[in-house]
Amino acid sequence: MIRCVVFDVGETLVDDTREWRGWADWLGVPAHTMSALVGAVTAQGWDNADALRLVRPGLDVAEERQARVAAGHAVELVEADLYPDVRRALQEHRQRGLWVGIAGNQAARVGERLRELGLPADGIATSEEWGVAKPDPGFFARLAEWAPGEPDEIVYVGDHPANDVVPARAAGLRTALVRRGPWGYLWAEDFRGIADWVVDDLSELPRLLASR
């Protein structure tokens, strides 16, 4: 029986278009160049931060992100960044009696913005707040302690097979892969039968989870 569902953030709940455009501006390259590099690292199975290091070799992404914040160049999350199905899907899960969480690889300030948006969620957490990031097994161990229920009663929903599906499954969680964002579209077909569910839209999930 499924007791709770926890959602990743980037390209699961949030369209990252403005964030990548912000990185392009900060690093001084055209937005289409940055998009192409994100596509290239996705196809290679590399980490998405490697797209930034292709522009500036040796870049410390965490330090550079702080520099963007200090310079007032950080892209702040707004309502329009949410995918259109997000509020409806989260609310329907709650109406069906499921505990709803949001937890992903994000800075603490993103967690603050998500809370300010008043999303219909019972808990919101970020990797910076927890001190561990996906795909480290410690992230999913922390998630299993945080969300109610046994691991096999928790569904983790994400767009990234390597960061979301594989480590969540290894931690004993159920998994759903959403076909959106570069990773979701490119790798979804390869992970049918590995993820418990593969969906095109988050609004599909409440009905699917209700049958389990």
N, C-alpha and C. Protein backbone atom coordinates (compact mmCIF):
# COMPACT_ATOMS: atom_id res chain seq x y z
N MET A 1 0.83 -1.20 0.00
CA MET A 1 0.00 0.00 0.00
C MET A 1 0.88 1.26 0.00
N ILE A 2 0.58 2.19 -0.87
CA ILE A 2 1.32 3.45 -0.94
C ILE A 2 0.77 4.42 0.09
N ARG A 3 1.66 4.97 0.94
CA ARG A 3 1.25 5.93 1.96
C ARG A 3 1.66 7.35 1.63
N CYS A 4 2.75 7.51 0.88
CA CYS A 4 3.19 8.87 0.57
C CYS A 4 3.91 8.92 -0.76
N VAL A 5 3.93 10.11 -1.33
CA VAL A 5 4.60 10.35 -2.61
C VAL A 5 5.46 11.60 -2.45
N VAL A 6 6.72 11.49 -2.87
CA VAL A 6 7.69 12.58 -2.72
C VAL A 6 8.20 12.96 -4.11
N PHE A 7 8.21 14.25 -4.40
CA PHE A 7 8.56 14.75 -5.72
C PHE A 7 9.92 15.43 -5.73
N ASP A 8 10.70 15.12 -6.74
CA ASP A 8 11.89 15.88 -7.09
C ASP A 8 11.45 17.30 -7.47
N VAL A 9 12.41 18.20 -7.65
CA VAL A 9 12.07 19.59 -7.96
C VAL A 9 12.36 19.93 -9.42
N GLY A 10 13.64 20.06 -9.79
CA GLY A 10 14.00 20.49 -11.13
C GLY A 10 13.54 19.54 -12.22
N GLU A 11 12.80 20.05 -13.19
CA GLU A 11 12.25 19.33 -14.32
C GLU A 11 11.25 18.24 -13.93
N THR A 12 10.85 18.23 -12.66
CA THR A 12 9.72 17.41 -12.22
C THR A 12 8.56 18.34 -11.86
N LEU A 13 8.83 19.25 -10.95
CA LEU A 13 7.84 20.28 -10.61
C LEU A 13 8.13 21.60 -11.30
N VAL A 14 9.41 21.87 -11.52
CA VAL A 14 9.84 23.19 -11.99
C VAL A 14 10.50 23.09 -13.37
N ASP A 15 10.06 23.94 -14.28
CA ASP A 15 10.68 24.08 -15.59
C ASP A 15 11.97 24.88 -15.40
N ASP A 16 13.12 24.27 -15.75
CA ASP A 16 14.41 24.89 -15.49
C ASP A 16 14.88 25.85 -16.60
N THR A 17 14.00 26.20 -17.52
CA THR A 17 14.42 27.03 -18.65
C THR A 17 15.07 28.33 -18.21
N ARG A 18 14.46 29.04 -17.28
CA ARG A 18 15.02 30.33 -16.85
C ARG A 18 16.34 30.16 -16.13
N GLU A 19 16.46 29.06 -15.38
CA GLU A 19 17.72 28.82 -14.65
C GLU A 19 18.87 28.59 -15.62
N TRP A 20 18.66 27.78 -16.66
CA TRP A 20 19.74 27.54 -17.62
C TRP A 20 20.05 28.81 -18.42
N ARG A 21 19.03 29.61 -18.72
CA ARG A 21 19.27 30.87 -19.41
C ARG A 21 20.09 31.80 -18.52
N GLY A 22 19.81 31.76 -17.21
CA GLY A 22 20.59 32.56 -16.28
C GLY A 22 22.06 32.15 -16.26
N TRP A 23 22.30 30.83 -16.29
CA TRP A 23 23.68 30.35 -16.35
C TRP A 23 24.36 30.80 -17.65
N ALA A 24 23.64 30.73 -18.76
CA ALA A 24 24.21 31.16 -20.03
C ALA A 24 24.62 32.63 -19.97
N ASP A 25 23.75 33.46 -19.43
CA ASP A 25 24.07 34.89 -19.31
C ASP A 25 25.28 35.10 -18.41
N TRP A 26 25.31 34.37 -17.29
CA TRP A 26 26.39 34.54 -16.32
C TRP A 26 27.74 34.12 -16.90
N LEU A 27 27.74 33.04 -17.68
CA LEU A 27 28.99 32.53 -18.25
C LEU A 27 29.32 33.16 -19.60
N GLY A 28 28.41 33.98 -20.12
CA GLY A 28 28.70 34.72 -21.34
C GLY A 28 28.59 33.94 -22.62
N VAL A 29 27.64 33.00 -22.67
CA VAL A 29 27.41 32.24 -23.90
C VAL A 29 25.94 32.38 -24.29
N PRO A 30 25.60 32.20 -25.58
CA PRO A 30 24.20 32.26 -25.99
C PRO A 30 23.37 31.17 -25.33
N ALA A 31 22.10 31.45 -25.12
CA ALA A 31 21.21 30.48 -24.48
C ALA A 31 21.13 29.19 -25.28
N HIS A 32 21.15 29.29 -26.64
CA HIS A 32 21.05 28.07 -27.43
C HIS A 32 22.30 27.21 -27.30
N THR A 33 23.46 27.84 -27.06
CA THR A 33 24.69 27.08 -26.83
C THR A 33 24.59 26.30 -25.52
N MET A 34 24.09 26.95 -24.48
CA MET A 34 23.93 26.25 -23.22
C MET A 34 22.94 25.09 -23.36
N SER A 35 21.85 25.31 -24.07
CA SER A 35 20.87 24.24 -24.28
C SER A 35 21.50 23.05 -25.00
N ALA A 36 22.31 23.35 -26.01
CA ALA A 36 22.97 22.28 -26.75
C ALA A 36 23.93 21.50 -25.87
N LEU A 37 24.65 22.20 -25.00
CA LEU A 37 25.59 21.52 -24.10
C LEU A 37 24.86 20.67 -23.07
N VAL A 38 23.72 21.15 -22.57
CA VAL A 38 22.91 20.33 -21.66
C VAL A 38 22.47 19.06 -22.38
N GLY A 39 22.05 19.20 -23.62
CA GLY A 39 21.66 18.03 -24.40
C GLY A 39 22.82 17.07 -24.60
N ALA A 40 24.01 17.61 -24.83
CA ALA A 40 25.18 16.77 -25.06
C ALA A 40 25.54 15.96 -23.82
N VAL A 41 25.56 16.60 -22.65
CA VAL A 41 25.93 15.86 -21.44
C VAL A 41 24.84 14.87 -21.06
N THR A 42 23.59 15.20 -21.38
CA THR A 42 22.49 14.26 -21.13
C THR A 42 22.69 13.00 -21.95
N ALA A 43 22.99 13.17 -23.23
CA ALA A 43 23.18 12.02 -24.11
C ALA A 43 24.36 11.16 -23.68
N GLN A 44 25.38 11.80 -23.08
CA GLN A 44 26.55 11.06 -22.61
C GLN A 44 26.33 10.40 -21.26
N GLY A 45 25.22 10.76 -20.59
CA GLY A 45 24.98 10.23 -19.25
C GLY A 45 25.80 10.92 -18.18
N TRP A 46 26.28 12.15 -18.48
CA TRP A 46 27.07 12.90 -17.51
C TRP A 46 26.15 13.68 -16.58
N ASP A 47 26.75 14.27 -15.55
CA ASP A 47 26.02 15.14 -14.65
C ASP A 47 25.69 16.44 -15.36
N ASN A 48 24.53 17.03 -15.04
CA ASN A 48 24.14 18.26 -15.75
C ASN A 48 25.11 19.42 -15.49
N ALA A 49 25.79 19.41 -14.33
CA ALA A 49 26.77 20.46 -14.05
C ALA A 49 27.94 20.41 -15.03
N ASP A 50 28.14 19.27 -15.68
CA ASP A 50 29.23 19.16 -16.65
C ASP A 50 29.01 20.09 -17.84
N ALA A 51 27.75 20.46 -18.11
CA ALA A 51 27.48 21.42 -19.18
C ALA A 51 28.14 22.76 -18.86
N LEU A 52 28.14 23.13 -17.59
CA LEU A 52 28.77 24.39 -17.18
C LEU A 52 30.29 24.30 -17.28
N ARG A 53 30.82 23.13 -16.94
CA ARG A 53 32.28 22.95 -16.98
C ARG A 53 32.80 22.86 -18.40
N LEU A 54 31.95 22.52 -19.36
CA LEU A 54 32.38 22.56 -20.75
C LEU A 54 32.61 24.00 -21.20
N VAL A 55 31.83 24.93 -20.64
CA VAL A 55 32.02 26.34 -20.94
C VAL A 55 33.24 26.89 -20.21
N ARG A 56 33.35 26.54 -18.94
CA ARG A 56 34.46 27.03 -18.12
C ARG A 56 35.10 25.86 -17.39
N PRO A 57 36.11 25.23 -17.99
CA PRO A 57 36.75 24.06 -17.39
C PRO A 57 37.24 24.33 -15.96
N GLY A 58 37.01 23.34 -15.10
CA GLY A 58 37.44 23.46 -13.72
C GLY A 58 36.51 24.26 -12.84
N LEU A 59 35.37 24.66 -13.37
CA LEU A 59 34.42 25.48 -12.62
C LEU A 59 33.94 24.76 -11.36
N ASP A 60 33.99 25.43 -10.22
CA ASP A 60 33.38 24.93 -8.99
C ASP A 60 31.94 25.45 -8.98
N VAL A 61 31.00 24.58 -9.26
CA VAL A 61 29.62 25.00 -9.47
C VAL A 61 29.02 25.61 -8.20
N ALA A 62 29.30 25.00 -7.05
CA ALA A 62 28.76 25.53 -5.79
C ALA A 62 29.26 26.95 -5.53
N GLU A 63 30.57 27.16 -5.73
CA GLU A 63 31.13 28.50 -5.51
C GLU A 63 30.57 29.50 -6.51
N GLU A 64 30.42 29.05 -7.75
CA GLU A 64 29.91 29.96 -8.78
C GLU A 64 28.45 30.30 -8.53
N ARG A 65 27.69 29.34 -8.01
CA ARG A 65 26.29 29.62 -7.68
C ARG A 65 26.21 30.68 -6.58
N GLN A 66 27.09 30.58 -5.58
CA GLN A 66 27.11 31.59 -4.52
C GLN A 66 27.51 32.95 -5.06
N ALA A 67 28.41 32.95 -6.04
CA ALA A 67 28.82 34.22 -6.65
C ALA A 67 27.65 34.86 -7.39
N ARG A 68 26.85 34.04 -8.04
CA ARG A 68 25.65 34.56 -8.72
C ARG A 68 24.68 35.18 -7.71
N VAL A 69 24.50 34.49 -6.59
CA VAL A 69 23.60 35.01 -5.56
C VAL A 69 24.12 36.34 -5.03
N ALA A 70 25.42 36.38 -4.71
CA ALA A 70 26.02 37.59 -4.16
C ALA A 70 25.92 38.77 -5.12
N ALA A 71 25.97 38.46 -6.42
CA ALA A 71 25.91 39.52 -7.44
C ALA A 71 24.47 39.87 -7.81
N GLY A 72 23.51 39.23 -7.17
CA GLY A 72 22.11 39.49 -7.49
C GLY A 72 21.70 38.94 -8.83
N HIS A 73 22.42 37.93 -9.30
CA HIS A 73 22.16 37.37 -10.62
C HIS A 73 21.43 36.03 -10.54
N ALA A 74 21.12 35.58 -9.34
CA ALA A 74 20.42 34.30 -9.20
C ALA A 74 18.99 34.42 -9.72
N VAL A 75 18.51 33.35 -10.34
CA VAL A 75 17.13 33.31 -10.82
C VAL A 75 16.25 32.83 -9.67
N GLU A 76 15.35 33.68 -9.21
CA GLU A 76 14.47 33.31 -8.10
C GLU A 76 13.23 32.60 -8.63
N LEU A 77 12.88 31.52 -7.99
CA LEU A 77 11.74 30.70 -8.39
C LEU A 77 10.44 31.49 -8.24
N VAL A 78 9.61 31.45 -9.29
CA VAL A 78 8.31 32.11 -9.25
C VAL A 78 7.24 31.13 -9.71
N GLU A 79 5.98 31.48 -9.49
CA GLU A 79 4.85 30.62 -9.82
C GLU A 79 4.90 30.16 -11.28
N ALA A 80 5.27 31.05 -12.17
CA ALA A 80 5.27 30.73 -13.59
C ALA A 80 6.28 29.64 -13.95
N ASP A 81 7.25 29.36 -13.06
CA ASP A 81 8.23 28.30 -13.33
C ASP A 81 7.66 26.91 -13.08
N LEU A 82 6.56 26.81 -12.36
CA LEU A 82 5.96 25.51 -12.11
C LEU A 82 5.32 24.97 -13.38
N TYR A 83 5.45 23.67 -13.60
CA TYR A 83 4.73 23.06 -14.71
C TYR A 83 3.23 23.15 -14.44
N PRO A 84 2.41 23.25 -15.50
CA PRO A 84 0.97 23.49 -15.30
C PRO A 84 0.23 22.43 -14.50
N ASP A 85 0.74 21.20 -14.48
CA ASP A 85 0.03 20.12 -13.80
C ASP A 85 0.36 20.01 -12.31
N VAL A 86 1.29 20.82 -11.82
CA VAL A 86 1.86 20.60 -10.48
C VAL A 86 0.84 20.77 -9.35
N ARG A 87 0.22 21.92 -9.26
CA ARG A 87 -0.70 22.16 -8.13
C ARG A 87 -1.86 21.15 -8.15
N ARG A 88 -2.39 20.91 -9.31
CA ARG A 88 -3.52 19.99 -9.41
C ARG A 88 -3.12 18.58 -8.96
N ALA A 89 -1.95 18.11 -9.41
CA ALA A 89 -1.51 16.76 -9.07
C ALA A 89 -1.21 16.63 -7.59
N LEU A 90 -0.49 17.61 -7.01
CA LEU A 90 -0.18 17.53 -5.59
C LEU A 90 -1.46 17.53 -4.76
N GLN A 91 -2.39 18.39 -5.13
CA GLN A 91 -3.63 18.48 -4.37
C GLN A 91 -4.43 17.18 -4.47
N GLU A 92 -4.46 16.58 -5.64
CA GLU A 92 -5.23 15.33 -5.79
C GLU A 92 -4.63 14.21 -4.97
N HIS A 93 -3.31 14.14 -4.89
CA HIS A 93 -2.68 13.12 -4.04
C HIS A 93 -3.12 13.31 -2.58
N ARG A 94 -3.14 14.53 -2.12
CA ARG A 94 -3.56 14.79 -0.74
C ARG A 94 -5.03 14.44 -0.53
N GLN A 95 -5.84 14.76 -1.50
CA GLN A 95 -7.27 14.45 -1.38
C GLN A 95 -7.50 12.94 -1.32
N ARG A 96 -6.59 12.17 -1.90
CA ARG A 96 -6.69 10.72 -1.86
C ARG A 96 -6.06 10.13 -0.60
N GLY A 97 -5.64 11.00 0.31
CA GLY A 97 -5.13 10.54 1.60
C GLY A 97 -3.65 10.26 1.65
N LEU A 98 -2.91 10.66 0.63
CA LEU A 98 -1.47 10.42 0.62
C LEU A 98 -0.72 11.61 1.22
N TRP A 99 0.34 11.32 1.95
CA TRP A 99 1.25 12.35 2.43
C TRP A 99 2.10 12.80 1.25
N VAL A 100 2.21 14.09 1.04
CA VAL A 100 2.92 14.63 -0.13
C VAL A 100 4.17 15.38 0.32
N GLY A 101 5.31 15.00 -0.25
CA GLY A 101 6.56 15.67 0.06
C GLY A 101 7.24 16.18 -1.19
N ILE A 102 8.14 17.13 -1.01
CA ILE A 102 8.97 17.66 -2.09
C ILE A 102 10.40 17.65 -1.58
N ALA A 103 11.30 16.98 -2.30
CA ALA A 103 12.69 16.90 -1.86
C ALA A 103 13.59 16.69 -3.07
N GLY A 104 14.55 17.59 -3.27
CA GLY A 104 15.43 17.47 -4.42
C GLY A 104 16.77 18.13 -4.18
N ASN A 105 17.61 18.04 -5.19
CA ASN A 105 18.94 18.66 -5.13
C ASN A 105 18.81 20.15 -5.40
N GLN A 106 18.64 20.90 -4.33
CA GLN A 106 18.43 22.34 -4.46
C GLN A 106 19.09 23.06 -3.29
N ALA A 107 19.34 24.34 -3.51
CA ALA A 107 19.84 25.20 -2.43
C ALA A 107 18.73 25.45 -1.42
N ALA A 108 19.13 25.81 -0.22
CA ALA A 108 18.14 26.09 0.83
C ALA A 108 17.20 27.21 0.42
N ARG A 109 17.69 28.20 -0.31
CA ARG A 109 16.84 29.32 -0.71
C ARG A 109 15.71 28.86 -1.64
N VAL A 110 15.95 27.77 -2.41
CA VAL A 110 14.89 27.24 -3.27
C VAL A 110 13.81 26.60 -2.41
N GLY A 111 14.23 25.90 -1.35
CA GLY A 111 13.24 25.35 -0.43
C GLY A 111 12.39 26.45 0.19
N GLU A 112 13.02 27.56 0.54
CA GLU A 112 12.28 28.69 1.10
C GLU A 112 11.26 29.23 0.11
N ARG A 113 11.67 29.35 -1.16
CA ARG A 113 10.75 29.86 -2.18
C ARG A 113 9.59 28.89 -2.41
N LEU A 114 9.86 27.59 -2.40
CA LEU A 114 8.79 26.61 -2.58
C LEU A 114 7.77 26.72 -1.45
N ARG A 115 8.25 26.94 -0.23
CA ARG A 115 7.33 27.11 0.90
C ARG A 115 6.52 28.40 0.75
N GLU A 116 7.17 29.46 0.28
CA GLU A 116 6.47 30.73 0.09
C GLU A 116 5.38 30.63 -0.98
N LEU A 117 5.56 29.73 -1.94
CA LEU A 117 4.55 29.56 -2.99
C LEU A 117 3.30 28.85 -2.49
N GLY A 118 3.35 28.30 -1.29
CA GLY A 118 2.18 27.68 -0.70
C GLY A 118 1.70 26.45 -1.45
N LEU A 119 2.62 25.64 -1.89
CA LEU A 119 2.25 24.41 -2.60
C LEU A 119 1.52 23.45 -1.66
N PRO A 120 0.59 22.65 -2.18
CA PRO A 120 -0.12 21.69 -1.35
C PRO A 120 0.76 20.48 -1.03
N ALA A 121 1.69 20.67 -0.12
CA ALA A 121 2.63 19.62 0.28
C ALA A 121 2.72 19.58 1.80
N ASP A 122 2.95 18.39 2.34
CA ASP A 122 3.07 18.21 3.79
C ASP A 122 4.49 18.44 4.29
N GLY A 123 5.46 18.38 3.39
CA GLY A 123 6.85 18.61 3.77
C GLY A 123 7.67 19.02 2.56
N ILE A 124 8.63 19.92 2.76
CA ILE A 124 9.53 20.39 1.70
C ILE A 124 10.94 20.39 2.26
N ALA A 125 11.88 19.80 1.51
CA ALA A 125 13.27 19.75 1.96
C ALA A 125 14.19 19.83 0.75
N THR A 126 15.42 20.27 0.98
CA THR A 126 16.41 20.34 -0.09
C THR A 126 17.70 19.66 0.33
N SER A 127 18.51 19.34 -0.65
CA SER A 127 19.78 18.67 -0.37
C SER A 127 20.69 19.54 0.50
N GLU A 128 20.67 20.85 0.29
CA GLU A 128 21.51 21.72 1.12
C GLU A 128 21.06 21.70 2.57
N GLU A 129 19.77 21.66 2.79
CA GLU A 129 19.25 21.59 4.15
C GLU A 129 19.61 20.26 4.82
N TRP A 130 19.63 19.20 4.05
CA TRP A 130 19.96 17.88 4.60
C TRP A 130 21.45 17.61 4.65
N GLY A 131 22.23 18.34 3.89
CA GLY A 131 23.67 18.13 3.86
C GLY A 131 24.09 16.93 3.05
N VAL A 132 23.25 16.47 2.14
CA VAL A 132 23.58 15.33 1.27
C VAL A 132 22.73 15.44 0.02
N ALA A 133 23.34 15.11 -1.12
CA ALA A 133 22.66 15.29 -2.41
C ALA A 133 22.55 13.97 -3.16
N LYS A 134 21.53 13.88 -3.99
CA LYS A 134 21.37 12.74 -4.88
C LYS A 134 22.53 12.70 -5.88
N PRO A 135 22.97 11.54 -6.29
CA PRO A 135 22.41 10.21 -6.02
C PRO A 135 22.99 9.51 -4.80
N ASP A 136 23.64 10.23 -3.90
CA ASP A 136 24.20 9.61 -2.70
C ASP A 136 23.12 8.83 -1.95
N PRO A 137 23.40 7.58 -1.57
CA PRO A 137 22.40 6.79 -0.83
C PRO A 137 21.93 7.48 0.45
N GLY A 138 22.79 8.35 1.02
CA GLY A 138 22.41 9.06 2.23
C GLY A 138 21.21 9.96 2.04
N PHE A 139 21.05 10.50 0.83
CA PHE A 139 19.90 11.34 0.57
C PHE A 139 18.61 10.54 0.72
N PHE A 140 18.60 9.35 0.15
CA PHE A 140 17.38 8.54 0.18
C PHE A 140 17.17 7.89 1.55
N ALA A 141 18.26 7.65 2.29
CA ALA A 141 18.11 7.19 3.67
C ALA A 141 17.45 8.29 4.51
N ARG A 142 17.88 9.52 4.29
CA ARG A 142 17.28 10.66 5.00
C ARG A 142 15.82 10.82 4.61
N LEU A 143 15.53 10.67 3.33
CA LEU A 143 14.15 10.79 2.85
C LEU A 143 13.26 9.72 3.48
N ALA A 144 13.78 8.49 3.59
CA ALA A 144 12.98 7.41 4.17
C ALA A 144 12.69 7.64 5.64
N GLU A 145 13.59 8.35 6.34
CA GLU A 145 13.34 8.71 7.74
C GLU A 145 12.33 9.85 7.85
N TRP A 146 12.38 10.75 6.88
CA TRP A 146 11.58 11.97 6.89
C TRP A 146 10.12 11.71 6.51
N ALA A 147 9.91 10.93 5.48
CA ALA A 147 8.56 10.65 5.00
C ALA A 147 7.95 9.50 5.81
N PRO A 148 6.66 9.56 6.10
CA PRO A 148 6.04 8.49 6.90
C PRO A 148 5.92 7.18 6.12
N GLY A 149 5.98 6.09 6.83
CA GLY A 149 5.80 4.78 6.21
C GLY A 149 7.11 4.05 5.99
N GLU A 150 6.99 2.80 5.63
CA GLU A 150 8.16 1.99 5.28
C GLU A 150 8.63 2.40 3.88
N PRO A 151 9.89 2.11 3.54
CA PRO A 151 10.39 2.53 2.22
C PRO A 151 9.51 2.08 1.05
N ASP A 152 8.99 0.85 1.11
CA ASP A 152 8.18 0.37 -0.02
C ASP A 152 6.76 0.96 -0.04
N GLU A 153 6.47 1.84 0.94
CA GLU A 153 5.21 2.57 0.94
C GLU A 153 5.38 4.01 0.45
N ILE A 154 6.62 4.35 0.05
CA ILE A 154 6.96 5.69 -0.42
C ILE A 154 7.26 5.63 -1.91
N VAL A 155 6.68 6.53 -2.68
CA VAL A 155 6.99 6.66 -4.10
C VAL A 155 7.81 7.92 -4.31
N TYR A 156 8.97 7.78 -4.97
CA TYR A 156 9.76 8.95 -5.32
C TYR A 156 9.57 9.23 -6.80
N VAL A 157 9.21 10.47 -7.12
CA VAL A 157 8.89 10.87 -8.49
C VAL A 157 9.96 11.82 -9.00
N GLY A 158 10.57 11.50 -10.13
CA GLY A 158 11.60 12.37 -10.69
C GLY A 158 11.72 12.21 -12.19
N ASP A 159 12.58 13.04 -12.77
CA ASP A 159 12.79 13.03 -14.22
C ASP A 159 14.12 12.40 -14.61
N HIS A 160 14.99 12.16 -13.64
CA HIS A 160 16.38 11.78 -13.93
C HIS A 160 16.62 10.33 -13.51
N PRO A 161 16.80 9.42 -14.45
CA PRO A 161 16.99 8.01 -14.08
C PRO A 161 18.15 7.78 -13.12
N ALA A 162 19.32 8.37 -13.39
CA ALA A 162 20.49 8.10 -12.57
C ALA A 162 20.41 8.74 -11.20
N ASN A 163 19.81 9.92 -11.11
CA ASN A 163 19.72 10.63 -9.82
C ASN A 163 18.48 10.25 -9.03
N ASP A 164 17.43 9.82 -9.72
CA ASP A 164 16.15 9.59 -9.06
C ASP A 164 15.76 8.11 -9.01
N VAL A 165 15.56 7.51 -10.17
CA VAL A 165 15.02 6.14 -10.21
C VAL A 165 15.98 5.12 -9.62
N VAL A 166 17.20 5.10 -10.09
CA VAL A 166 18.14 4.05 -9.68
C VAL A 166 18.45 4.11 -8.18
N PRO A 167 18.86 5.26 -7.62
CA PRO A 167 19.17 5.28 -6.18
C PRO A 167 17.94 5.14 -5.29
N ALA A 168 16.79 5.66 -5.72
CA ALA A 168 15.57 5.48 -4.91
C ALA A 168 15.18 4.02 -4.87
N ARG A 169 15.26 3.36 -6.00
CA ARG A 169 14.94 1.94 -6.07
C ARG A 169 15.90 1.13 -5.19
N ALA A 170 17.19 1.48 -5.23
CA ALA A 170 18.19 0.78 -4.41
C ALA A 170 17.91 0.95 -2.93
N ALA A 171 17.27 2.08 -2.56
CA ALA A 171 16.93 2.34 -1.16
C ALA A 171 15.63 1.66 -0.74
N GLY A 172 15.00 0.96 -1.68
CA GLY A 172 13.77 0.24 -1.35
C GLY A 172 12.50 1.01 -1.60
N LEU A 173 12.62 2.23 -2.18
CA LEU A 173 11.43 3.03 -2.47
C LEU A 173 10.81 2.58 -3.79
N ARG A 174 9.54 2.90 -3.98
CA ARG A 174 8.91 2.76 -5.28
C ARG A 174 9.28 3.99 -6.10
N THR A 175 9.22 3.90 -7.42
CA THR A 175 9.68 5.00 -8.25
C THR A 175 8.74 5.28 -9.41
N ALA A 176 8.65 6.56 -9.76
CA ALA A 176 7.92 7.00 -10.95
C ALA A 176 8.80 7.97 -11.72
N LEU A 177 8.91 7.77 -13.01
CA LEU A 177 9.71 8.63 -13.88
C LEU A 177 8.76 9.43 -14.77
N VAL A 178 8.92 10.75 -14.74
CA VAL A 178 8.08 11.62 -15.57
C VAL A 178 8.86 12.03 -16.82
N ARG A 179 8.21 11.89 -17.96
CA ARG A 179 8.85 12.20 -19.25
C ARG A 179 8.79 13.71 -19.50
N ARG A 180 9.73 14.41 -18.88
CA ARG A 180 9.87 15.85 -19.15
C ARG A 180 11.30 16.24 -18.83
N GLY A 181 11.74 17.34 -19.40
CA GLY A 181 13.13 17.73 -19.24
C GLY A 181 14.02 16.84 -20.10
N PRO A 182 15.27 17.23 -20.34
CA PRO A 182 16.16 16.46 -21.22
C PRO A 182 16.33 15.01 -20.80
N TRP A 183 16.51 14.76 -19.50
CA TRP A 183 16.78 13.40 -19.02
C TRP A 183 15.54 12.53 -19.13
N GLY A 184 14.40 13.07 -18.76
CA GLY A 184 13.17 12.30 -18.81
C GLY A 184 12.81 11.88 -20.21
N TYR A 185 12.90 12.79 -21.15
CA TYR A 185 12.56 12.45 -22.53
C TYR A 185 13.56 11.47 -23.14
N LEU A 186 14.84 11.69 -22.87
CA LEU A 186 15.86 10.85 -23.51
C LEU A 186 15.88 9.43 -22.98
N TRP A 187 15.72 9.27 -21.67
CA TRP A 187 15.95 7.98 -21.05
C TRP A 187 14.70 7.22 -20.62
N ALA A 188 13.53 7.79 -20.76
CA ALA A 188 12.32 7.16 -20.22
C ALA A 188 12.09 5.75 -20.78
N GLU A 189 12.24 5.59 -22.07
CA GLU A 189 11.94 4.28 -22.67
C GLU A 189 12.89 3.20 -22.15
N ASP A 190 14.13 3.57 -21.85
CA ASP A 190 15.09 2.60 -21.33
C ASP A 190 14.76 2.17 -19.91
N PHE A 191 13.94 2.96 -19.22
CA PHE A 191 13.66 2.66 -17.82
C PHE A 191 12.25 2.15 -17.58
N ARG A 192 11.52 1.89 -18.65
CA ARG A 192 10.24 1.19 -18.47
C ARG A 192 10.55 -0.23 -18.00
N GLY A 193 9.88 -0.64 -16.94
CA GLY A 193 10.18 -1.94 -16.34
C GLY A 193 11.19 -1.85 -15.22
N ILE A 194 11.90 -0.71 -15.12
CA ILE A 194 12.81 -0.47 -13.99
C ILE A 194 12.10 0.47 -13.01
N ALA A 195 11.64 1.61 -13.51
CA ALA A 195 10.75 2.45 -12.70
C ALA A 195 9.41 1.73 -12.58
N ASP A 196 8.75 1.88 -11.44
CA ASP A 196 7.44 1.26 -11.27
C ASP A 196 6.41 1.85 -12.21
N TRP A 197 6.54 3.16 -12.46
CA TRP A 197 5.62 3.84 -13.37
C TRP A 197 6.42 4.84 -14.21
N VAL A 198 6.03 4.98 -15.48
CA VAL A 198 6.55 6.03 -16.35
C VAL A 198 5.34 6.80 -16.85
N VAL A 199 5.33 8.12 -16.62
CA VAL A 199 4.17 8.93 -16.96
C VAL A 199 4.59 10.13 -17.82
N ASP A 200 3.64 10.64 -18.58
CA ASP A 200 3.87 11.84 -19.39
C ASP A 200 3.46 13.10 -18.66
N ASP A 201 2.66 12.94 -17.62
CA ASP A 201 2.07 14.09 -16.94
C ASP A 201 1.83 13.68 -15.48
N LEU A 202 2.10 14.58 -14.55
CA LEU A 202 1.93 14.24 -13.14
C LEU A 202 0.47 13.95 -12.78
N SER A 203 -0.46 14.47 -13.56
CA SER A 203 -1.87 14.23 -13.27
C SER A 203 -2.27 12.78 -13.48
N GLU A 204 -1.41 11.99 -14.14
CA GLU A 204 -1.69 10.56 -14.31
C GLU A 204 -1.45 9.78 -13.03
N LEU A 205 -0.59 10.29 -12.17
CA LEU A 205 -0.12 9.50 -11.02
C LEU A 205 -1.18 9.18 -9.97
N PRO A 206 -2.03 10.10 -9.55
CA PRO A 206 -2.97 9.78 -8.47
C PRO A 206 -3.80 8.53 -8.75
N ARG A 207 -4.29 8.41 -9.97
CA ARG A 207 -5.08 7.23 -10.32
C ARG A 207 -4.24 5.96 -10.30
N LEU A 208 -3.02 6.05 -10.82
CA LEU A 208 -2.15 4.87 -10.84
C LEU A 208 -1.77 4.41 -9.43
N LEU A 209 -1.47 5.36 -8.55
CA LEU A 209 -1.06 5.01 -7.19
C LEU A 209 -2.25 4.49 -6.38
N ALA A 210 -3.44 4.97 -6.70
CA ALA A 210 -4.64 4.53 -5.96
C ALA A 210 -4.92 3.06 -6.18
N SER A 211 -4.41 2.51 -7.28
CA SER A 211 -4.67 1.10 -7.57
C SER A 211 -3.67 0.17 -6.90
N ARG A 212 -2.71 0.74 -6.16
CA ARG A 212 -1.67 -0.08 -5.50
C ARG A 212 -1.85 -0.08 -3.99
